[in-house]
Amino acid sequence: MEPLLLAGLLGGIGGLTRGVVGLLKALSIRRKILWGYYSITVAVALVIGVFVGIIFDFDPRLSLLAGYAGTDILEGIYKSFKVDKTYVRKK
């Protein structure tokens, strides 16, 4: 198999794994599933896996880990910039 394709595939599998873990967590607490967000994170994890595979000589374990960790990092960044409304009640 082409090394670049293998790196991308493993990165996508890592991202998909992270997505499934998040999906199962959301289902267990009965949250609404954002399918668009889920799809975007898996696609970005694929890209991250390809780039890390290129940089680190196509080590398959690293590409798989990069897909998983890359999605987790993106989710953390998203949550840190997400603005929640806070209401303060006067006494």
PDB file of N, CA and C in Angstrom:
ATOM      1  N   MET A   1       0.847  -1.185   0.000  1.00  0.00           N
ATOM      2  CA  MET A   1       0.000   0.000   0.000  1.00  0.00           C
ATOM      3  C   MET A   1       0.890   1.245   0.000  1.00  0.00           C
ATOM      4  N   GLU A   2       0.443   2.253  -0.668  1.00  0.00           N
ATOM      5  CA  GLU A   2       1.148   3.538  -0.741  1.00  0.00           C
ATOM      6  C   GLU A   2       1.316   4.113   0.674  1.00  0.00           C
ATOM      7  N   PRO A   3       2.530   4.503   1.066  1.00  0.00           N
ATOM      8  CA  PRO A   3       2.763   5.008   2.438  1.00  0.00           C
ATOM      9  C   PRO A   3       1.901   6.219   2.796  1.00  0.00           C
ATOM     10  N   LEU A   4       1.701   7.141   1.863  1.00  0.00           N
ATOM     11  CA  LEU A   4       0.889   8.324   2.141  1.00  0.00           C
ATOM     12  C   LEU A   4      -0.560   7.928   2.387  1.00  0.00           C
ATOM     13  N   LEU A   5      -1.053   6.986   1.597  1.00  0.00           N
ATOM     14  CA  LEU A   5      -2.426   6.515   1.762  1.00  0.00           C
ATOM     15  C   LEU A   5      -2.591   5.798   3.101  1.00  0.00           C
ATOM     16  N   LEU A   6      -1.612   4.981   3.466  1.00  0.00           N
ATOM     17  CA  LEU A   6      -1.655   4.278   4.749  1.00  0.00           C
ATOM     18  C   LEU A   6      -1.650   5.272   5.912  1.00  0.00           C
ATOM     19  N   ALA A   7      -0.814   6.300   5.837  1.00  0.00           N
ATOM     20  CA  ALA A   7      -0.758   7.316   6.894  1.00  0.00           C
ATOM     21  C   ALA A   7      -2.106   8.024   7.024  1.00  0.00           C
ATOM     22  N   GLY A   8      -2.703   8.395   5.906  1.00  0.00           N
ATOM     23  CA  GLY A   8      -4.005   9.064   5.930  1.00  0.00           C
ATOM     24  C   GLY A   8      -5.103   8.163   6.456  1.00  0.00           C
ATOM     25  N   LEU A   9      -5.091   6.911   6.026  1.00  0.00           N
ATOM     26  CA  LEU A   9      -6.099   5.957   6.470  1.00  0.00           C
ATOM     27  C   LEU A   9      -6.005   5.731   7.980  1.00  0.00           C
ATOM     28  N   LEU A  10      -4.799   5.543   8.488  1.00  0.00           N
ATOM     29  CA  LEU A  10      -4.630   5.337   9.925  1.00  0.00           C
ATOM     30  C   LEU A  10      -4.979   6.589  10.729  1.00  0.00           C
ATOM     31  N   GLY A  11      -4.644   7.764  10.199  1.00  0.00           N
ATOM     32  CA  GLY A  11      -5.039   9.006  10.866  1.00  0.00           C
ATOM     33  C   GLY A  11      -6.550   9.138  10.937  1.00  0.00           C
ATOM     34  N   GLY A  12      -7.229   8.778   9.845  1.00  0.00           N
ATOM     35  CA  GLY A  12      -8.691   8.806   9.828  1.00  0.00           C
ATOM     36  C   GLY A  12      -9.291   7.809  10.801  1.00  0.00           C
ATOM     37  N   ILE A  13      -8.693   6.617  10.888  1.00  0.00           N
ATOM     38  CA  ILE A  13      -9.171   5.610  11.835  1.00  0.00           C
ATOM     39  C   ILE A  13      -8.998   6.110  13.269  1.00  0.00           C
ATOM     40  N   GLY A  14      -7.869   6.776  13.549  1.00  0.00           N
ATOM     41  CA  GLY A  14      -7.660   7.356  14.877  1.00  0.00           C
ATOM     42  C   GLY A  14      -8.705   8.415  15.195  1.00  0.00           C
ATOM     43  N   GLY A  15      -8.998   9.274  14.219  1.00  0.00           N
ATOM     44  CA  GLY A  15     -10.014  10.304  14.414  1.00  0.00           C
ATOM     45  C   GLY A  15     -11.404   9.712  14.577  1.00  0.00           C
ATOM     46  N   LEU A  16     -11.691   8.681  13.793  1.00  0.00           N
ATOM     47  CA  LEU A  16     -12.977   8.008  13.890  1.00  0.00           C
ATOM     48  C   LEU A  16     -13.129   7.334  15.258  1.00  0.00           C
ATOM     49  N   THR A  17     -12.047   6.753  15.754  1.00  0.00           N
ATOM     50  CA  THR A  17     -12.071   6.131  17.077  1.00  0.00           C
ATOM     51  C   THR A  17     -12.394   7.168  18.144  1.00  0.00           C
ATOM     52  N   ARG A  18     -11.757   8.326  18.058  1.00  0.00           N
ATOM     53  CA  ARG A  18     -12.023   9.406  19.017  1.00  0.00           C
ATOM     54  C   ARG A  18     -13.466   9.864  18.888  1.00  0.00           C
ATOM     55  N   GLY A  19     -13.948   9.930  17.662  1.00  0.00           N
ATOM     56  CA  GLY A  19     -15.335  10.328  17.442  1.00  0.00           C
ATOM     57  C   GLY A  19     -16.325   9.330  18.022  1.00  0.00           C
ATOM     58  N   VAL A  20     -16.044   8.050  17.890  1.00  0.00           N
ATOM     59  CA  VAL A  20     -16.928   7.015  18.442  1.00  0.00           C
ATOM     60  C   VAL A  20     -16.941   7.091  19.974  1.00  0.00           C
ATOM     61  N   VAL A  21     -15.777   7.329  20.580  1.00  0.00           N
ATOM     62  CA  VAL A  21     -15.719   7.479  22.036  1.00  0.00           C
ATOM     63  C   VAL A  21     -16.584   8.665  22.468  1.00  0.00           C
ATOM     64  N   GLY A  22     -16.456   9.789  21.775  1.00  0.00           N
ATOM     65  CA  GLY A  22     -17.281  10.962  22.083  1.00  0.00           C
ATOM     66  C   GLY A  22     -18.757  10.716  21.826  1.00  0.00           C
ATOM     67  N   LEU A  23     -19.055   9.987  20.754  1.00  0.00           N
ATOM     68  CA  LEU A  23     -20.436   9.667  20.414  1.00  0.00           C
ATOM     69  C   LEU A  23     -21.067   8.791  21.500  1.00  0.00           C
ATOM     70  N   LEU A  24     -20.346   7.773  21.950  1.00  0.00           N
ATOM     71  CA  LEU A  24     -20.860   6.904  23.013  1.00  0.00           C
ATOM     72  C   LEU A  24     -21.059   7.673  24.319  1.00  0.00           C
ATOM     73  N   LYS A  25     -20.145   8.603  24.598  1.00  0.00           N
ATOM     74  CA  LYS A  25     -20.277   9.431  25.802  1.00  0.00           C
ATOM     75  C   LYS A  25     -21.532  10.305  25.710  1.00  0.00           C
ATOM     76  N   ALA A  26     -21.741  10.923  24.535  1.00  0.00           N
ATOM     77  CA  ALA A  26     -22.911  11.783  24.343  1.00  0.00           C
ATOM     78  C   ALA A  26     -24.209  10.979  24.427  1.00  0.00           C
ATOM     79  N   LEU A  27     -24.207   9.785  23.870  1.00  0.00           N
ATOM     80  CA  LEU A  27     -25.403   8.951  23.937  1.00  0.00           C
ATOM     81  C   LEU A  27     -25.700   8.504  25.367  1.00  0.00           C
ATOM     82  N   SER A  28     -24.653   8.259  26.139  1.00  0.00           N
ATOM     83  CA  SER A  28     -24.870   7.793  27.514  1.00  0.00           C
ATOM     84  C   SER A  28     -25.486   8.879  28.402  1.00  0.00           C
ATOM     85  N   ILE A  29     -25.211  10.144  28.093  1.00  0.00           N
ATOM     86  CA  ILE A  29     -25.817  11.229  28.880  1.00  0.00           C
ATOM     87  C   ILE A  29     -26.953  11.912  28.114  1.00  0.00           C
ATOM     88  N   ARG A  30     -27.385  11.267  27.022  1.00  0.00           N
ATOM     89  CA  ARG A  30     -28.546  11.705  26.216  1.00  0.00           C
ATOM     90  C   ARG A  30     -28.414  13.114  25.666  1.00  0.00           C
ATOM     91  N   ARG A  31     -27.246  13.408  25.115  1.00  0.00           N
ATOM     92  CA  ARG A  31     -27.026  14.704  24.479  1.00  0.00           C
ATOM     93  C   ARG A  31     -27.426  14.651  23.010  1.00  0.00           C
ATOM     94  N   LYS A  32     -27.686  15.819  22.465  1.00  0.00           N
ATOM     95  CA  LYS A  32     -27.979  15.926  21.032  1.00  0.00           C
ATOM     96  C   LYS A  32     -26.677  15.710  20.255  1.00  0.00           C
ATOM     97  N   ILE A  33     -26.739  14.897  19.196  1.00  0.00           N
ATOM     98  CA  ILE A  33     -25.557  14.584  18.393  1.00  0.00           C
ATOM     99  C   ILE A  33     -25.432  15.611  17.266  1.00  0.00           C
ATOM    100  N   LEU A  34     -24.261  16.240  17.162  1.00  0.00           N
ATOM    101  CA  LEU A  34     -23.987  17.203  16.094  1.00  0.00           C
ATOM    102  C   LEU A  34     -23.228  16.472  14.982  1.00  0.00           C
ATOM    103  N   TRP A  35     -23.960  15.950  14.010  1.00  0.00           N
ATOM    104  CA  TRP A  35     -23.346  15.120  12.966  1.00  0.00           C
ATOM    105  C   TRP A  35     -22.380  15.896  12.092  1.00  0.00           C
ATOM    106  N   GLY A  36     -22.640  17.159  11.844  1.00  0.00           N
ATOM    107  CA  GLY A  36     -21.729  17.986  11.057  1.00  0.00           C
ATOM    108  C   GLY A  36     -20.391  18.159  11.754  1.00  0.00           C
ATOM    109  N   TYR A  37     -20.441  18.425  13.045  1.00  0.00           N
ATOM    110  CA  TYR A  37     -19.224  18.572  13.855  1.00  0.00           C
ATOM    111  C   TYR A  37     -18.441  17.265  13.880  1.00  0.00           C
ATOM    112  N   TYR A  38     -19.147  16.173  14.028  1.00  0.00           N
ATOM    113  CA  TYR A  38     -18.522  14.852  14.043  1.00  0.00           C
ATOM    114  C   TYR A  38     -17.797  14.582  12.727  1.00  0.00           C
ATOM    115  N   SER A  39     -18.436  14.874  11.613  1.00  0.00           N
ATOM    116  CA  SER A  39     -17.831  14.648  10.296  1.00  0.00           C
ATOM    117  C   SER A  39     -16.595  15.515  10.079  1.00  0.00           C
ATOM    118  N   ILE A  40     -16.675  16.759  10.492  1.00  0.00           N
ATOM    119  CA  ILE A  40     -15.544  17.679  10.321  1.00  0.00           C
ATOM    120  C   ILE A  40     -14.340  17.227  11.140  1.00  0.00           C
ATOM    121  N   THR A  41     -14.557  16.782  12.375  1.00  0.00           N
ATOM    122  CA  THR A  41     -13.432  16.365  13.197  1.00  0.00           C
ATOM    123  C   THR A  41     -12.749  15.118  12.640  1.00  0.00           C
ATOM    124  N   VAL A  42     -13.526  14.199  12.064  1.00  0.00           N
ATOM    125  CA  VAL A  42     -12.921  13.010  11.465  1.00  0.00           C
ATOM    126  C   VAL A  42     -12.118  13.397  10.219  1.00  0.00           C
ATOM    127  N   ALA A  43     -12.654  14.325   9.413  1.00  0.00           N
ATOM    128  CA  ALA A  43     -11.934  14.770   8.216  1.00  0.00           C
ATOM    129  C   ALA A  43     -10.633  15.484   8.591  1.00  0.00           C
ATOM    130  N   VAL A  44     -10.666  16.317   9.612  1.00  0.00           N
ATOM    131  CA  VAL A  44      -9.464  17.026  10.050  1.00  0.00           C
ATOM    132  C   VAL A  44      -8.457  16.043  10.647  1.00  0.00           C
ATOM    133  N   ALA A  45      -8.940  15.037  11.360  1.00  0.00           N
ATOM    134  CA  ALA A  45      -8.042  14.018  11.915  1.00  0.00           C
ATOM    135  C   ALA A  45      -7.333  13.264  10.800  1.00  0.00           C
ATOM    136  N   LEU A  46      -8.008  13.038   9.698  1.00  0.00           N
ATOM    137  CA  LEU A  46      -7.392  12.392   8.541  1.00  0.00           C
ATOM    138  C   LEU A  46      -6.233  13.241   8.019  1.00  0.00           C
ATOM    139  N   VAL A  47      -6.451  14.547   7.888  1.00  0.00           N
ATOM    140  CA  VAL A  47      -5.415  15.463   7.406  1.00  0.00           C
ATOM    141  C   VAL A  47      -4.240  15.500   8.389  1.00  0.00           C
ATOM    142  N   ILE A  48      -4.534  15.563   9.691  1.00  0.00           N
ATOM    143  CA  ILE A  48      -3.479  15.572  10.698  1.00  0.00           C
ATOM    144  C   ILE A  48      -2.657  14.294  10.616  1.00  0.00           C
ATOM    145  N   GLY A  49      -3.332  13.163  10.469  1.00  0.00           N
ATOM    146  CA  GLY A  49      -2.641  11.887  10.357  1.00  0.00           C
ATOM    147  C   GLY A  49      -1.719  11.831   9.155  1.00  0.00           C
ATOM    148  N   VAL A  50      -2.162  12.375   8.018  1.00  0.00           N
ATOM    149  CA  VAL A  50      -1.323  12.412   6.811  1.00  0.00           C
ATOM    150  C   VAL A  50      -0.076  13.259   7.054  1.00  0.00           C
ATOM    151  N   PHE A  51      -0.246  14.471   7.604  1.00  0.00           N
ATOM    152  CA  PHE A  51       0.896  15.354   7.820  1.00  0.00           C
ATOM    153  C   PHE A  51       1.902  14.776   8.817  1.00  0.00           C
ATOM    154  N   VAL A  52       1.402  14.209   9.908  1.00  0.00           N
ATOM    155  CA  VAL A  52       2.317  13.628  10.890  1.00  0.00           C
ATOM    156  C   VAL A  52       3.014  12.410  10.292  1.00  0.00           C
ATOM    157  N   GLY A  53       2.299  11.634   9.485  1.00  0.00           N
ATOM    158  CA  GLY A  53       2.915  10.492   8.812  1.00  0.00           C
ATOM    159  C   GLY A  53       4.034  10.915   7.878  1.00  0.00           C
ATOM    160  N   ILE A  54       3.857  12.035   7.182  1.00  0.00           N
ATOM    161  CA  ILE A  54       4.890  12.552   6.278  1.00  0.00           C
ATOM    162  C   ILE A  54       6.102  13.038   7.085  1.00  0.00           C
ATOM    163  N   ILE A  55       5.852  13.759   8.148  1.00  0.00           N
ATOM    164  CA  ILE A  55       6.932  14.338   8.941  1.00  0.00           C
ATOM    165  C   ILE A  55       7.760  13.262   9.636  1.00  0.00           C
ATOM    166  N   PHE A  56       7.099  12.234  10.163  1.00  0.00           N
ATOM    167  CA  PHE A  56       7.788  11.214  10.946  1.00  0.00           C
ATOM    168  C   PHE A  56       7.958   9.895  10.198  1.00  0.00           C
ATOM    169  N   ASP A  57       8.272   9.978   8.918  1.00  0.00           N
ATOM    170  CA  ASP A  57       8.620   8.818   8.101  1.00  0.00           C
ATOM    171  C   ASP A  57       7.578   7.706   8.079  1.00  0.00           C
ATOM    172  N   PHE A  58       6.356   8.060   8.110  1.00  0.00           N
ATOM    173  CA  PHE A  58       5.258   7.112   7.915  1.00  0.00           C
ATOM    174  C   PHE A  58       5.212   5.980   8.936  1.00  0.00           C
ATOM    175  N   ASP A  59       5.508   6.260  10.166  1.00  0.00           N
ATOM    176  CA  ASP A  59       5.344   5.247  11.208  1.00  0.00           C
ATOM    177  C   ASP A  59       3.839   5.063  11.428  1.00  0.00           C
ATOM    178  N   PRO A  60       3.297   3.896  11.134  1.00  0.00           N
ATOM    179  CA  PRO A  60       1.843   3.686  11.219  1.00  0.00           C
ATOM    180  C   PRO A  60       1.270   3.941  12.615  1.00  0.00           C
ATOM    181  N   ARG A  61       2.001   3.581  13.661  1.00  0.00           N
ATOM    182  CA  ARG A  61       1.501   3.817  15.024  1.00  0.00           C
ATOM    183  C   ARG A  61       1.350   5.302  15.302  1.00  0.00           C
ATOM    184  N   LEU A  62       2.274   6.094  14.812  1.00  0.00           N
ATOM    185  CA  LEU A  62       2.229   7.536  15.035  1.00  0.00           C
ATOM    186  C   LEU A  62       1.063   8.166  14.284  1.00  0.00           C
ATOM    187  N   SER A  63       0.798   7.721  13.075  1.00  0.00           N
ATOM    188  CA  SER A  63      -0.326   8.256  12.308  1.00  0.00           C
ATOM    189  C   SER A  63      -1.649   7.949  12.996  1.00  0.00           C
ATOM    190  N   LEU A  64      -1.771   6.737  13.519  1.00  0.00           N
ATOM    191  CA  LEU A  64      -2.994   6.344  14.223  1.00  0.00           C
ATOM    192  C   LEU A  64      -3.189   7.191  15.476  1.00  0.00           C
ATOM    193  N   LEU A  65      -2.132   7.370  16.235  1.00  0.00           N
ATOM    194  CA  LEU A  65      -2.184   8.181  17.444  1.00  0.00           C
ATOM    195  C   LEU A  65      -2.460   9.648  17.121  1.00  0.00           C
ATOM    196  N   ALA A  66      -1.877  10.135  16.038  1.00  0.00           N
ATOM    197  CA  ALA A  66      -2.072  11.535  15.655  1.00  0.00           C
ATOM    198  C   ALA A  66      -3.523  11.816  15.300  1.00  0.00           C
ATOM    199  N   GLY A  67      -4.164  10.892  14.642  1.00  0.00           N
ATOM    200  CA  GLY A  67      -5.581  11.069  14.327  1.00  0.00           C
ATOM    201  C   GLY A  67      -6.427  11.165  15.572  1.00  0.00           C
ATOM    202  N   TYR A  68      -6.149  10.302  16.542  1.00  0.00           N
ATOM    203  CA  TYR A  68      -6.894  10.311  17.800  1.00  0.00           C
ATOM    204  C   TYR A  68      -6.603  11.583  18.592  1.00  0.00           C
ATOM    205  N   ALA A  69      -5.333  11.870  18.810  1.00  0.00           N
ATOM    206  CA  ALA A  69      -4.949  13.026  19.624  1.00  0.00           C
ATOM    207  C   ALA A  69      -5.295  14.340  18.934  1.00  0.00           C
ATOM    208  N   GLY A  70      -5.140  14.388  17.607  1.00  0.00           N
ATOM    209  CA  GLY A  70      -5.435  15.615  16.869  1.00  0.00           C
ATOM    210  C   GLY A  70      -6.889  16.022  17.013  1.00  0.00           C
ATOM    211  N   THR A  71      -7.779  15.042  16.954  1.00  0.00           N
ATOM    212  CA  THR A  71      -9.200  15.333  17.127  1.00  0.00           C
ATOM    213  C   THR A  71      -9.473  15.812  18.544  1.00  0.00           C
ATOM    214  N   ASP A  72      -8.827  15.212  19.523  1.00  0.00           N
ATOM    215  CA  ASP A  72      -9.003  15.603  20.913  1.00  0.00           C
ATOM    216  C   ASP A  72      -8.514  17.033  21.132  1.00  0.00           C
ATOM    217  N   ILE A  73      -7.377  17.377  20.539  1.00  0.00           N
ATOM    218  CA  ILE A  73      -6.839  18.737  20.659  1.00  0.00           C
ATOM    219  C   ILE A  73      -7.789  19.754  20.018  1.00  0.00           C
ATOM    220  N   LEU A  74      -8.315  19.427  18.835  1.00  0.00           N
ATOM    221  CA  LEU A  74      -9.256  20.337  18.169  1.00  0.00           C
ATOM    222  C   LEU A  74     -10.521  20.540  18.992  1.00  0.00           C
ATOM    223  N   GLU A  75     -11.002  19.474  19.606  1.00  0.00           N
ATOM    224  CA  GLU A  75     -12.190  19.595  20.444  1.00  0.00           C
ATOM    225  C   GLU A  75     -11.908  20.490  21.652  1.00  0.00           C
ATOM    226  N   GLY A  76     -10.726  20.363  22.240  1.00  0.00           N
ATOM    227  CA  GLY A  76     -10.352  21.212  23.363  1.00  0.00           C
ATOM    228  C   GLY A  76     -10.262  22.678  22.966  1.00  0.00           C
ATOM    229  N   ILE A  77      -9.708  22.946  21.789  1.00  0.00           N
ATOM    230  CA  ILE A  77      -9.626  24.329  21.298  1.00  0.00           C
ATOM    231  C   ILE A  77     -11.015  24.890  21.061  1.00  0.00           C
ATOM    232  N   TYR A  78     -11.885  24.089  20.454  1.00  0.00           N
ATOM    233  CA  TYR A  78     -13.258  24.517  20.183  1.00  0.00           C
ATOM    234  C   TYR A  78     -13.971  24.879  21.485  1.00  0.00           C
ATOM    235  N   LYS A  79     -13.831  24.011  22.489  1.00  0.00           N
ATOM    236  CA  LYS A  79     -14.514  24.255  23.759  1.00  0.00           C
ATOM    237  C   LYS A  79     -13.940  25.458  24.498  1.00  0.00           C
ATOM    238  N   SER A  80     -12.656  25.747  24.325  1.00  0.00           N
ATOM    239  CA  SER A  80     -12.066  26.880  25.025  1.00  0.00           C
ATOM    240  C   SER A  80     -12.528  28.214  24.446  1.00  0.00           C
ATOM    241  N   PHE A  81     -12.910  28.244  23.161  1.00  0.00           N
ATOM    242  CA  PHE A  81     -13.374  29.485  22.555  1.00  0.00           C
ATOM    243  C   PHE A  81     -14.892  29.583  22.492  1.00  0.00           C
ATOM    244  N   LYS A  82     -15.580  28.531  22.889  1.00  0.00           N
ATOM    245  CA  LYS A  82     -17.034  28.531  22.884  1.00  0.00           C
ATOM    246  C   LYS A  82     -17.526  29.491  23.964  1.00  0.00           C
ATOM    247  N   VAL A  83     -18.445  30.372  23.611  1.00  0.00           N
ATOM    248  CA  VAL A  83     -18.949  31.369  24.552  1.00  0.00           C
ATOM    249  C   VAL A  83     -20.280  30.874  25.113  1.00  0.00           C
ATOM    250  N   ASP A  84     -20.341  30.774  26.424  1.00  0.00           N
ATOM    251  CA  ASP A  84     -21.581  30.403  27.099  1.00  0.00           C
ATOM    252  C   ASP A  84     -22.176  31.651  27.728  1.00  0.00           C
ATOM    253  N   LYS A  85     -23.504  31.723  27.670  1.00  0.00           N
ATOM    254  CA  LYS A  85     -24.181  32.849  28.293  1.00  0.00           C
ATOM    255  C   LYS A  85     -24.350  32.560  29.776  1.00  0.00           C
ATOM    256  N   THR A  86     -24.025  33.548  30.604  1.00  0.00           N
ATOM    257  CA  THR A  86     -24.175  33.424  32.043  1.00  0.00           C
ATOM    258  C   THR A  86     -25.095  34.533  32.506  1.00  0.00           C
ATOM    259  N   TYR A  87     -26.113  34.138  33.234  1.00  0.00           N
ATOM    260  CA  TYR A  87     -27.066  35.118  33.729  1.00  0.00           C
ATOM    261  C   TYR A  87     -26.862  35.265  35.242  1.00  0.00           C
ATOM    262  N   VAL A  88     -26.822  36.523  35.681  1.00  0.00           N
ATOM    263  CA  VAL A  88     -26.662  36.819  37.097  1.00  0.00           C
ATOM    264  C   VAL A  88     -27.954  37.437  37.593  1.00  0.00           C
ATOM    265  N   ARG A  89     -28.483  36.844  38.635  1.00  0.00           N
ATOM    266  CA  ARG A  89     -29.749  37.331  39.192  1.00  0.00           C
ATOM    267  C   ARG A  89     -29.458  38.343  40.292  1.00  0.00           C
ATOM    268  N   LYS A  90     -30.178  39.474  40.272  1.00  0.00           N
ATOM    269  CA  LYS A  90     -30.039  40.480  41.332  1.00  0.00           C
ATOM    270  C   LYS A  90     -30.779  40.017  42.553  1.00  0.00           C
ATOM    271  N   LYS A  91     -30.214  40.335  43.722  1.00  0.00           N
ATOM    272  CA  LYS A  91     -30.876  39.981  44.996  1.00  0.00           C
ATOM    273  C   LYS A  91     -31.886  41.001  45.396  1.00  0.00           C
TER     274      LYS A  91
END
